[in-house]
Amino acid sequence: MSDMPMITISGVNKFYGIYKALTDVTLDIASGEFFSLLGPSGCGKTTLLRSIAGFETPSSGDIRIDGQSMIGVPPNRRPTNMVFQSYAIFPHLNVEENVSYGLKRLKLGAVEEHRRVGDALDQVRLGHLGKRRGHELSGGQRQRVALARSLVLRPKVLLLDEPLSALDKKLREEMQSELRALQKAVGITFVLVTHDQYEALALSDRIAVMFGGRITQVATPKELYQHPLSRMTADFLGGMNFLSGKVAEKVGDILSVETERFGQLRLAAAACGGRPGDRITLGIRPERLRLLWDGEHADHELQGRVMDRAYFGETTHLSVRVDGLERPLSMIETNTYGADDLPIGASIRLAYDPEAFVALADDEAEDRIRKIG
């Protein structure tokens, strides 16, 4: 992956009448990067992807691909190709004809066209199905044909609009692995739109989280999950326990925060901007809490009572009431030692790591977060 941006988005705004779909979006995407735009429905991620592709025109701002401005450049003249959610496979054509469809305008000649189609089908492991008709393909095979049809044109950027959303869970997970391996093999920039946080975490080099037409944070999957800047981002990216704390002291970028039941915690201030006396929101992931069994002890532990549980095969999700906290804590525990057999109402001890807490900005601090991200 190169340090030079393949895509540079500068101050892009998009209006539909009085509705503002994108607000001052500024972003660099590196050459060879697998980049995801993540957010709930209506956040602007598809509008941004379509603006990169040329199917939408920004109301203001600039989009540059490989150093060249794309403003006024039609989709078919851009060094991009797009895989749509529906795949748009022609059912009356066979696999080879579907893949070669976009090559016709290039007038490459039969030999070169046949070679390119063969290479593209081999990349997606469909070389043996070249003569099969579009309507005879499974969902996973249609998805691979759509990828091959885009890759055969050798774009600098491949744009993917929720390409796995129509697949069942098992096939979707298999295709995620294949998609990541394919991106590494071809080495071009992939930009994925998804509302599935786990898909984004599994596939991406970096992720931009979007809410209300704005980018609220850009980070690697690990950084985004472990150190979200806002409560809104933390809540969207998997489970999170939230609690309130009062800032006792701030030294540089480190806060000392007084909490109920968890004592005084030392946290990086991040984007919350807390000052002594302020009340701030803290978060800790459910998997960072751990059950203590008989004979086990920890430097930091609490007493609680099981309020509810949900069995998920290898793990059990517990809801635990702790006196002094406004709401129950969520925990995720592996079933190795019998967490799945804990009865409702059981008294338990849980351990926590003070360093696992993060300080979070309130949702209304989104503008400040966006500048940091």
Protein backbone atom coordinates (compact mmCIF):
# COMPACT_ATOMS: atom_id res chain seq x y z
CA MET A 1 0.00 0.00 0.00
CA SER A 2 1.46 3.35 -1.08
CA ASP A 3 1.55 6.45 1.12
CA MET A 4 0.41 8.57 -1.82
CA PRO A 5 -3.36 9.07 -1.96
CA MET A 6 -5.19 7.38 -4.81
CA ILE A 7 -8.37 9.30 -3.90
CA THR A 8 -8.44 12.79 -2.41
CA ILE A 9 -11.83 14.17 -1.35
CA SER A 10 -11.74 17.85 -0.41
CA GLY A 11 -14.62 19.73 1.21
CA VAL A 12 -17.37 17.83 -0.62
CA ASN A 13 -20.97 18.88 0.01
CA LYS A 14 -24.06 17.42 -1.64
CA PHE A 15 -27.53 18.95 -1.56
CA TYR A 16 -30.83 17.49 -2.74
CA GLY A 17 -32.98 20.58 -2.55
CA ILE A 18 -32.85 21.68 1.09
CA TYR A 19 -31.61 18.26 2.24
CA LYS A 20 -27.86 18.05 2.79
CA ALA A 21 -26.63 14.51 2.14
CA LEU A 22 -22.91 15.27 2.57
CA THR A 23 -21.35 17.98 4.73
CA ASP A 24 -17.75 19.10 4.21
CA VAL A 25 -16.38 15.60 3.59
CA THR A 26 -12.57 15.59 3.44
CA LEU A 27 -10.70 12.32 3.11
CA ASP A 28 -7.58 10.69 1.62
CA ILE A 29 -7.60 7.03 0.51
CA ALA A 30 -4.22 5.49 -0.23
CA SER A 31 -3.20 3.58 -3.33
CA GLY A 32 -3.68 -0.15 -2.74
CA GLU A 33 -5.79 0.39 0.37
CA PHE A 34 -8.91 -1.57 1.31
CA PHE A 35 -11.03 1.27 2.64
CA SER A 36 -14.57 1.05 4.04
CA LEU A 37 -17.30 3.65 4.44
CA LEU A 38 -19.35 2.50 7.42
CA GLY A 39 -22.55 3.85 8.90
CA PRO A 40 -26.31 3.37 9.30
CA SER A 41 -28.80 3.74 6.47
CA GLY A 42 -29.11 7.34 5.31
CA CYS A 43 -25.71 8.46 6.65
CA GLY A 44 -24.39 9.47 3.20
CA LYS A 45 -21.95 6.63 2.54
CA THR A 46 -23.58 5.50 -0.73
CA THR A 47 -23.90 9.12 -1.90
CA LEU A 48 -20.16 9.55 -1.31
CA LEU A 49 -19.35 6.31 -3.16
CA ARG A 50 -21.55 7.33 -6.11
CA SER A 51 -19.83 10.73 -6.14
CA ILE A 52 -16.45 9.00 -6.50
CA ALA A 53 -17.89 6.87 -9.31
CA GLY A 54 -19.40 9.89 -11.09
CA PHE A 55 -23.05 8.90 -10.71
CA GLU A 56 -23.57 11.89 -8.39
CA THR A 57 -22.11 15.38 -8.81
CA PRO A 58 -21.00 17.19 -5.63
CA SER A 59 -22.68 20.53 -5.00
CA SER A 60 -19.25 21.84 -3.99
CA GLY A 61 -15.77 20.53 -3.30
CA ASP A 62 -13.40 18.37 -5.31
CA ILE A 63 -12.71 14.67 -5.84
CA ARG A 64 -9.33 13.70 -7.30
CA ILE A 65 -8.30 10.22 -8.42
CA ASP A 66 -4.61 9.57 -8.98
CA GLY A 67 -4.02 13.32 -8.88
CA GLN A 68 -6.65 14.25 -11.48
CA SER A 69 -9.85 16.14 -10.64
CA MET A 70 -12.97 14.17 -11.50
CA ILE A 71 -15.35 17.13 -11.49
CA GLY A 72 -17.14 17.06 -14.84
CA VAL A 73 -15.65 13.68 -15.82
CA PRO A 74 -18.40 11.13 -16.68
CA PRO A 75 -18.41 7.69 -15.02
CA ASN A 76 -17.19 5.85 -18.12
CA ARG A 77 -14.12 8.13 -18.33
CA ARG A 78 -13.02 7.62 -14.74
CA PRO A 79 -10.38 5.03 -13.70
CA THR A 80 -13.00 3.33 -11.52
CA ASN A 81 -15.46 0.50 -11.77
CA MET A 82 -18.36 -0.34 -9.50
CA VAL A 83 -19.88 -3.56 -8.18
CA PHE A 84 -23.51 -2.91 -7.38
CA GLN A 85 -25.55 -4.49 -4.61
CA SER A 86 -27.77 -6.23 -7.18
CA TYR A 87 -24.72 -7.45 -9.24
CA ALA A 88 -26.68 -6.56 -12.46
CA ILE A 89 -25.78 -9.86 -14.17
CA PHE A 90 -27.36 -10.34 -17.62
CA PRO A 91 -29.32 -13.60 -17.25
CA HIS A 92 -29.42 -14.34 -21.01
CA LEU A 93 -25.62 -14.17 -21.36
CA ASN A 94 -23.13 -16.75 -20.16
CA VAL A 95 -20.35 -15.96 -17.68
CA GLU A 96 -17.73 -15.14 -20.32
CA GLU A 97 -20.14 -12.87 -22.20
CA ASN A 98 -21.07 -11.05 -18.99
CA VAL A 99 -17.43 -10.45 -18.13
CA SER A 100 -16.46 -9.36 -21.65
CA TYR A 101 -19.43 -6.99 -22.04
CA GLY A 102 -17.54 -3.88 -20.92
CA LEU A 103 -14.52 -4.70 -23.09
CA LYS A 104 -16.41 -4.32 -26.37
CA ARG A 105 -15.96 -0.55 -26.49
CA LEU A 106 -12.18 -0.94 -26.12
CA LYS A 107 -11.90 -2.90 -29.41
CA LEU A 108 -9.01 -5.00 -28.15
CA GLY A 109 -9.38 -7.79 -30.68
CA ALA A 110 -10.65 -11.31 -30.05
CA VAL A 111 -7.36 -12.79 -28.79
CA GLU A 112 -6.63 -10.07 -26.22
CA GLU A 113 -10.27 -9.92 -25.13
CA HIS A 114 -10.33 -13.70 -24.58
CA ARG A 115 -7.08 -13.52 -22.59
CA ARG A 116 -8.34 -10.74 -20.33
CA VAL A 117 -11.63 -12.53 -19.67
CA GLY A 118 -9.77 -15.73 -18.82
CA ASP A 119 -7.44 -13.89 -16.43
CA ALA A 120 -10.36 -12.17 -14.71
CA LEU A 121 -12.30 -15.42 -14.28
CA ASP A 122 -9.22 -17.16 -12.91
CA GLN A 123 -8.79 -14.37 -10.35
CA VAL A 124 -12.28 -15.08 -8.97
CA ARG A 125 -11.99 -18.86 -9.41
CA LEU A 126 -14.68 -19.15 -12.09
CA GLY A 127 -12.56 -20.26 -15.04
CA HIS A 128 -14.46 -23.57 -15.24
CA LEU A 129 -17.89 -21.89 -15.47
CA GLY A 130 -17.31 -19.61 -18.46
CA LYS A 131 -20.14 -21.12 -20.51
CA ARG A 132 -22.74 -21.19 -17.74
CA ARG A 133 -25.71 -18.82 -18.15
CA GLY A 134 -26.28 -15.99 -15.69
CA HIS A 135 -29.59 -17.41 -14.45
CA GLU A 136 -27.89 -20.73 -13.61
CA LEU A 137 -25.48 -19.19 -11.08
CA SER A 138 -25.70 -19.23 -7.30
CA GLY A 139 -25.56 -16.00 -5.29
CA GLY A 140 -21.87 -16.40 -4.56
CA GLN A 141 -21.09 -17.15 -8.22
CA ARG A 142 -23.04 -14.07 -9.38
CA GLN A 143 -21.04 -11.99 -6.93
CA ARG A 144 -17.79 -13.36 -8.39
CA VAL A 145 -18.96 -12.64 -11.95
CA ALA A 146 -19.72 -9.04 -10.96
CA LEU A 147 -16.22 -8.73 -9.53
CA ALA A 148 -14.61 -10.26 -12.63
CA ARG A 149 -16.61 -7.93 -14.91
CA SER A 150 -15.23 -4.96 -12.98
CA LEU A 151 -11.66 -6.22 -12.72
CA VAL A 152 -11.41 -7.10 -16.42
CA LEU A 153 -11.38 -3.37 -17.20
CA ARG A 154 -8.32 -2.95 -14.96
CA PRO A 155 -9.52 0.06 -12.96
CA LYS A 156 -7.32 1.92 -10.52
CA VAL A 157 -10.19 1.91 -8.01
CA LEU A 158 -12.87 -0.72 -7.42
CA LEU A 159 -16.01 0.60 -5.73
CA LEU A 160 -18.24 -1.88 -3.90
CA ASP A 161 -21.78 -0.95 -2.86
CA GLU A 162 -22.71 -3.53 -0.18
CA PRO A 163 -21.85 -6.41 -2.54
CA LEU A 164 -22.35 -9.16 0.06
CA SER A 165 -25.64 -8.05 1.61
CA ALA A 166 -27.78 -10.51 -0.41
CA LEU A 167 -25.81 -13.57 0.72
CA ASP A 168 -26.61 -15.81 3.67
CA LYS A 169 -24.39 -15.59 6.77
CA LYS A 170 -22.09 -18.54 6.01
CA LEU A 171 -21.56 -17.63 2.35
CA ARG A 172 -21.10 -13.99 3.29
CA GLU A 173 -18.29 -14.87 5.68
CA GLU A 174 -16.64 -17.04 3.03
CA MET A 175 -16.89 -14.26 0.44
CA GLN A 176 -15.42 -11.73 2.88
CA SER A 177 -12.30 -13.86 3.09
CA GLU A 178 -12.18 -14.24 -0.69
CA LEU A 179 -12.72 -10.54 -1.27
CA ARG A 180 -9.85 -9.60 1.02
CA ALA A 181 -7.55 -12.16 -0.63
CA LEU A 182 -8.55 -10.88 -4.07
CA GLN A 183 -7.77 -7.28 -3.12
CA LYS A 184 -4.32 -8.30 -1.90
CA ALA A 185 -3.71 -10.26 -5.11
CA VAL A 186 -4.70 -7.51 -7.55
CA GLY A 187 -3.23 -4.71 -5.41
CA ILE A 188 -5.65 -1.96 -6.44
CA THR A 189 -7.64 0.37 -4.21
CA PHE A 190 -10.96 -1.04 -2.97
CA VAL A 191 -13.62 1.23 -1.46
CA LEU A 192 -16.44 -0.65 0.24
CA VAL A 193 -19.77 0.71 1.46
CA THR A 194 -21.34 -1.32 4.25
CA HIS A 195 -23.60 -0.95 7.29
CA ASP A 196 -22.19 -4.19 8.76
CA GLN A 197 -19.57 -3.19 11.33
CA TYR A 198 -18.08 -6.67 11.57
CA GLU A 199 -17.65 -6.85 7.81
CA ALA A 200 -15.83 -3.51 7.84
CA LEU A 201 -13.62 -4.57 10.74
CA ALA A 202 -12.71 -7.88 9.06
CA LEU A 203 -11.93 -6.48 5.60
CA SER A 204 -10.51 -3.01 5.96
CA ASP A 205 -7.11 -1.39 6.27
CA ARG A 206 -8.96 1.73 7.46
CA ILE A 207 -12.58 2.69 8.07
CA ALA A 208 -14.44 6.01 7.89
CA VAL A 209 -17.50 6.08 10.14
CA MET A 210 -20.30 8.33 8.92
CA PHE A 211 -23.36 9.80 10.60
CA GLY A 212 -25.67 12.44 9.17
CA GLY A 213 -23.55 13.10 6.08
CA ARG A 214 -20.36 13.69 8.08
CA ILE A 215 -17.27 11.61 8.73
CA THR A 216 -16.92 11.31 12.51
CA GLN A 217 -13.77 9.17 12.70
CA VAL A 218 -11.19 7.59 10.36
CA ALA A 219 -8.96 4.88 11.81
CA THR A 220 -7.72 1.32 11.51
CA PRO A 221 -10.22 -1.34 12.62
CA LYS A 222 -8.35 -1.97 15.89
CA GLU A 223 -8.02 1.73 16.73
CA LEU A 224 -11.66 2.37 15.86
CA TYR A 225 -12.94 -0.50 17.99
CA GLN A 226 -10.68 -0.01 20.98
CA HIS A 227 -10.53 3.80 20.96
CA PRO A 228 -13.75 5.26 19.51
CA LEU A 229 -13.94 9.03 19.91
CA SER A 230 -17.68 9.42 20.49
CA ARG A 231 -20.47 7.55 22.22
CA MET A 232 -22.33 7.32 18.92
CA THR A 233 -19.39 5.63 17.17
CA ALA A 234 -18.72 3.32 20.12
CA ASP A 235 -22.35 2.20 20.25
CA PHE A 236 -22.49 1.52 16.50
CA LEU A 237 -19.32 -0.59 16.54
CA GLY A 238 -20.47 -3.52 18.68
CA GLY A 239 -21.57 -3.61 22.30
CA MET A 240 -20.36 -1.05 24.81
CA ASN A 241 -21.07 -0.41 28.49
CA PHE A 242 -21.52 3.29 29.22
CA LEU A 243 -21.21 4.97 32.60
CA SER A 244 -20.84 8.47 33.91
CA GLY A 245 -17.78 9.87 35.64
CA LYS A 246 -16.59 13.17 37.09
CA VAL A 247 -13.24 14.64 36.08
CA ALA A 248 -11.11 15.13 39.19
CA GLU A 249 -7.92 16.28 37.46
CA LYS A 250 -6.47 16.86 34.02
CA VAL A 251 -2.71 16.72 33.43
CA GLY A 252 -1.80 17.18 29.79
CA ASP A 253 -3.97 14.75 27.85
CA ILE A 254 -4.62 12.46 30.84
CA LEU A 255 -7.82 12.64 32.89
CA SER A 256 -8.33 11.34 36.40
CA VAL A 257 -12.02 10.43 36.58
CA GLU A 258 -14.08 9.49 39.65
CA THR A 259 -16.70 6.78 38.98
CA GLU A 260 -19.30 4.82 40.87
CA ARG A 261 -18.07 1.30 41.71
CA PHE A 262 -15.00 1.42 39.44
CA GLY A 263 -13.08 3.92 41.57
CA GLN A 264 -10.75 6.52 40.07
CA LEU A 265 -9.64 5.85 36.50
CA ARG A 266 -6.85 7.44 34.48
CA LEU A 267 -7.83 7.91 30.83
CA ALA A 268 -6.62 9.58 27.68
CA ALA A 269 -8.75 12.69 27.15
CA ALA A 270 -9.17 11.97 23.40
CA ALA A 271 -12.00 14.13 22.04
CA CYS A 272 -14.12 14.48 25.17
CA GLY A 273 -12.42 17.70 26.28
CA GLY A 274 -13.21 17.15 29.94
CA ARG A 275 -12.11 19.69 32.55
CA PRO A 276 -12.00 19.29 36.35
CA GLY A 277 -15.56 19.18 37.63
CA ASP A 278 -17.08 18.09 34.29
CA ARG A 279 -19.16 14.95 34.00
CA ILE A 280 -18.14 12.78 31.05
CA THR A 281 -19.18 9.47 29.50
CA LEU A 282 -16.91 6.44 29.80
CA GLY A 283 -17.11 3.17 27.91
CA ILE A 284 -15.82 -0.38 28.30
CA ARG A 285 -16.40 -3.28 25.89
CA PRO A 286 -18.32 -6.33 27.23
CA GLU A 287 -15.44 -8.69 26.48
CA ARG A 288 -13.11 -6.60 28.69
CA LEU A 289 -15.11 -7.73 31.75
CA ARG A 290 -14.33 -11.24 33.02
CA LEU A 291 -16.04 -13.70 35.34
CA LEU A 292 -14.09 -14.74 38.42
CA TRP A 293 -14.66 -18.33 39.49
CA ASP A 294 -14.15 -19.79 42.97
CA GLY A 295 -10.51 -19.44 43.99
CA GLU A 296 -9.76 -16.70 41.44
CA HIS A 297 -8.90 -13.16 42.47
CA ALA A 298 -8.12 -9.94 40.63
CA ASP A 299 -6.73 -6.54 41.56
CA HIS A 300 -9.97 -4.93 40.38
CA GLU A 301 -13.25 -6.76 40.88
CA LEU A 302 -16.95 -6.13 41.51
CA GLN A 303 -19.87 -8.10 42.90
CA GLY A 304 -22.92 -8.51 40.68
CA ARG A 305 -26.04 -10.54 39.98
CA VAL A 306 -27.00 -12.20 36.69
CA MET A 307 -30.17 -10.56 35.32
CA ASP A 308 -30.29 -12.26 31.93
CA ARG A 309 -28.21 -14.44 29.61
CA ALA A 310 -28.09 -15.38 25.93
CA TYR A 311 -26.34 -18.47 24.57
CA PHE A 312 -24.29 -18.05 21.37
CA GLY A 313 -22.52 -21.40 21.12
CA GLU A 314 -18.91 -20.64 22.01
CA THR A 315 -19.89 -17.66 24.18
CA THR A 316 -22.62 -16.56 26.54
CA HIS A 317 -23.71 -12.94 26.81
CA LEU A 318 -24.60 -11.92 30.36
CA SER A 319 -26.50 -8.94 31.72
CA VAL A 320 -25.22 -8.24 35.23
CA ARG A 321 -26.72 -5.89 37.82
CA VAL A 322 -24.13 -4.09 39.97
CA ASP A 323 -25.36 -2.02 42.93
CA GLY A 324 -24.67 1.67 42.41
CA LEU A 325 -24.78 1.57 38.59
CA GLU A 326 -27.74 2.98 36.69
CA ARG A 327 -27.96 0.12 34.19
CA PRO A 328 -26.81 -3.51 34.02
CA LEU A 329 -23.39 -4.34 32.60
CA SER A 330 -23.08 -6.47 29.48
CA MET A 331 -20.43 -9.21 29.52
CA ILE A 332 -19.26 -11.77 26.96
CA GLU A 333 -17.79 -14.94 28.44
CA THR A 334 -16.53 -18.07 26.74
CA ASN A 335 -18.32 -21.26 27.75
CA THR A 336 -15.12 -23.13 28.64
CA TYR A 337 -15.83 -23.08 32.37
CA GLY A 338 -19.64 -23.13 32.38
CA ALA A 339 -20.82 -19.57 31.89
CA ASP A 340 -23.73 -21.02 29.89
CA ASP A 341 -24.95 -22.82 33.02
CA LEU A 342 -25.10 -19.77 35.30
CA PRO A 343 -28.71 -19.43 36.55
CA ILE A 344 -30.60 -16.16 36.42
CA GLY A 345 -30.17 -14.47 39.78
CA ALA A 346 -26.75 -16.02 40.45
CA SER A 347 -24.33 -13.92 42.47
CA ILE A 348 -21.03 -13.51 40.60
CA ARG A 349 -17.75 -11.64 40.80
CA LEU A 350 -16.32 -9.90 37.76
CA ALA A 351 -12.87 -8.51 37.03
CA TYR A 352 -12.11 -5.43 35.00
CA ASP A 353 -9.01 -3.73 33.61
CA PRO A 354 -8.96 0.02 34.40
CA GLU A 355 -6.96 0.61 31.21
CA ALA A 356 -9.81 -0.84 29.11
CA PHE A 357 -12.02 2.22 29.71
CA VAL A 358 -12.20 5.02 27.13
CA ALA A 359 -13.41 8.59 27.51
CA LEU A 360 -16.07 9.44 24.94
CA ALA A 361 -17.34 12.68 23.48
CA ASP A 362 -21.08 13.27 23.65
CA ASP A 363 -22.95 13.03 20.36
CA GLU A 364 -23.35 16.81 20.11
CA ALA A 365 -19.54 17.15 20.02
CA GLU A 366 -19.51 15.65 16.52
CA ASP A 367 -17.97 18.68 14.83
CA ARG A 368 -14.99 18.56 17.17
CA ILE A 369 -14.58 14.82 16.61
CA ARG A 370 -14.68 15.25 12.84
CA LYS A 371 -11.80 17.71 12.95
CA ILE A 372 -9.72 15.29 15.03
CA GLY A 373 -10.62 12.32 12.80
